[in-house]
Protein backbone atom coordinates (compact mmCIF):
# COMPACT_ATOMS: atom_id res chain seq x y z
CA GLN A 1 55.05 92.07 12.66
CA VAL A 2 55.08 88.28 13.07
CA HIS A 3 57.46 86.41 15.35
CA VAL A 4 58.40 82.93 14.13
CA VAL A 5 60.14 80.29 16.27
CA GLU A 6 61.21 76.78 15.21
CA SER A 7 62.15 73.89 17.45
CA GLY A 8 62.71 70.15 17.35
CA GLY A 9 65.98 69.84 15.46
CA GLY A 10 68.72 67.47 16.52
CA LEU A 11 70.91 64.55 15.55
CA VAL A 12 69.24 61.49 14.07
CA GLN A 13 70.43 58.37 12.26
CA ALA A 14 69.52 57.72 8.63
CA GLY A 15 66.14 56.04 8.37
CA GLY A 16 64.89 57.62 11.54
CA SER A 17 62.24 60.23 12.15
CA LEU A 18 62.10 63.73 13.53
CA ARG A 19 59.34 66.28 14.03
CA LEU A 20 59.95 70.00 13.78
CA SER A 21 57.60 72.57 15.26
CA CYS A 22 56.94 76.18 14.32
CA ALA A 23 54.97 78.79 16.20
CA ALA A 24 54.05 82.09 14.55
CA SER A 25 52.52 85.01 16.38
CA GLY A 26 50.59 87.88 14.85
CA ARG A 27 47.47 89.97 15.05
CA PRO A 28 44.45 87.86 16.02
CA GLY A 29 42.55 86.67 12.97
CA THR A 30 45.48 87.05 10.60
CA ARG A 31 45.61 84.34 7.94
CA LEU A 32 49.16 83.06 7.69
CA ALA A 33 50.35 80.53 5.17
CA MET A 34 53.31 78.64 6.58
CA GLY A 35 56.26 76.93 4.99
CA TRP A 36 59.50 75.13 5.68
CA PHE A 37 62.81 75.75 3.94
CA ARG A 38 66.26 74.33 4.52
CA GLN A 39 69.80 75.47 3.90
CA ALA A 40 72.91 73.29 3.93
CA PRO A 41 76.39 74.78 4.31
CA GLY A 42 77.49 76.58 1.16
CA GLN A 43 74.08 76.20 -0.50
CA TYR A 44 71.06 78.35 -1.15
CA ARG A 45 67.92 78.13 0.91
CA ASP A 46 65.63 75.52 -0.67
CA PHE A 47 61.92 74.94 -0.41
CA VAL A 48 60.78 71.90 1.56
CA ALA A 49 57.03 72.12 2.20
CA ALA A 50 54.23 74.61 2.68
CA ILE A 51 50.63 74.69 3.81
CA SER A 52 47.88 77.19 3.08
CA TRP A 53 46.40 79.36 5.79
CA SER A 54 43.33 77.11 5.96
CA GLY A 55 45.29 73.85 5.88
CA ASP A 56 43.36 72.74 2.80
CA ALA A 57 46.37 72.69 0.48
CA THR A 58 49.90 71.38 0.95
CA TYR A 59 52.97 71.60 -1.26
CA TYR A 60 56.19 69.60 -1.22
CA ALA A 61 59.57 69.60 -2.87
CA ASP A 62 60.08 66.51 -5.01
CA SER A 63 62.98 65.46 -2.81
CA VAL A 64 60.77 65.03 0.26
CA LYS A 65 57.48 63.80 -1.21
CA GLY A 66 56.35 60.64 0.52
CA ARG A 67 58.75 61.15 3.41
CA PHE A 68 57.87 64.51 4.97
CA THR A 69 54.44 65.74 6.01
CA ILE A 70 53.47 69.29 6.87
CA SER A 71 50.48 70.02 9.09
CA ARG A 72 49.10 72.95 11.05
CA ASP A 73 46.78 74.19 13.71
CA GLY A 74 45.26 77.18 11.95
CA ALA A 75 43.72 78.73 15.02
CA LYS A 76 47.12 78.92 16.71
CA ASN A 77 49.27 79.51 13.58
CA THR A 78 51.38 76.54 14.54
CA ALA A 79 52.91 74.17 12.00
CA TRP A 80 54.80 70.89 12.15
CA LEU A 81 57.09 69.09 9.76
CA GLN A 82 57.08 65.34 10.29
CA MET A 83 60.26 63.93 8.76
CA ASN A 84 60.26 60.17 8.17
CA ASN A 85 62.93 57.99 6.58
CA ILE A 86 65.27 60.91 7.01
CA GLN A 87 68.51 60.75 5.01
CA PRO A 88 71.98 62.33 5.29
CA GLU A 89 71.09 64.55 2.34
CA ASP A 90 68.41 66.11 4.53
CA THR A 91 71.05 67.59 6.84
CA ALA A 92 70.52 71.34 6.96
CA VAL A 93 69.29 74.22 9.02
CA TYR A 94 65.51 74.16 8.73
CA TYR A 95 63.63 77.45 8.69
CA CYS A 96 59.97 78.11 9.21
CA ALA A 97 58.51 81.07 7.34
CA VAL A 98 55.10 82.69 6.98
CA ILE A 99 53.22 84.58 4.28
CA GLN A 100 51.11 87.39 5.65
CA TYR A 101 50.51 89.55 2.58
CA GLY A 102 48.86 87.20 0.11
CA GLY A 103 51.67 85.63 -1.88
CA HIS A 104 50.91 82.37 -3.65
CA ASN A 105 54.29 81.09 -4.86
CA TYR A 106 54.90 78.85 -1.90
CA ASP A 107 58.15 77.40 -3.21
CA ASN A 108 59.73 80.84 -3.59
CA PRO A 109 61.43 82.19 -0.47
CA ASN A 110 60.79 85.73 -1.74
CA ALA A 111 57.07 85.13 -1.24
CA TYR A 112 57.51 84.87 2.53
CA ASP A 113 57.28 87.86 4.82
CA TYR A 114 58.73 86.60 8.11
CA TRP A 115 61.30 83.98 9.02
CA GLY A 116 62.40 82.09 12.08
CA GLN A 117 66.02 81.71 13.16
CA GLY A 118 66.26 78.07 12.11
CA THR A 119 66.82 74.74 13.81
CA GLN A 120 69.67 72.38 12.94
CA VAL A 121 68.90 68.88 11.67
CA THR A 122 71.89 66.56 11.33
CA VAL A 123 71.50 63.06 9.89
CA SER A 124 74.24 60.48 10.35
CA ALA A 125 74.72 57.58 7.94
């Protein structure tokens, strides 16, 4: 069992920046890939970014490439999502999720084993 907690959401104006944090707990030595998804009202949960357990590989949705950056502290299974030039279209609840059991399709929410409760990001024009 892995406990996942996100933080850092809030209200920000378009063009601004925000950093989200995610902490995942598990058995010591467990290799956890970590990802971020988001869900706007009335929409499905969409992939945002992911990072491999080692931090050597990152993946981004086309809509956030060049604006968002995912990073991690592998030893602590902590991840961050740095959101720059944030836009109203980025408004959503942002969820952190982890892969414990070896999935490789990082853009597929079904590949993830544990999820946080989400943190709200609201962007005003």
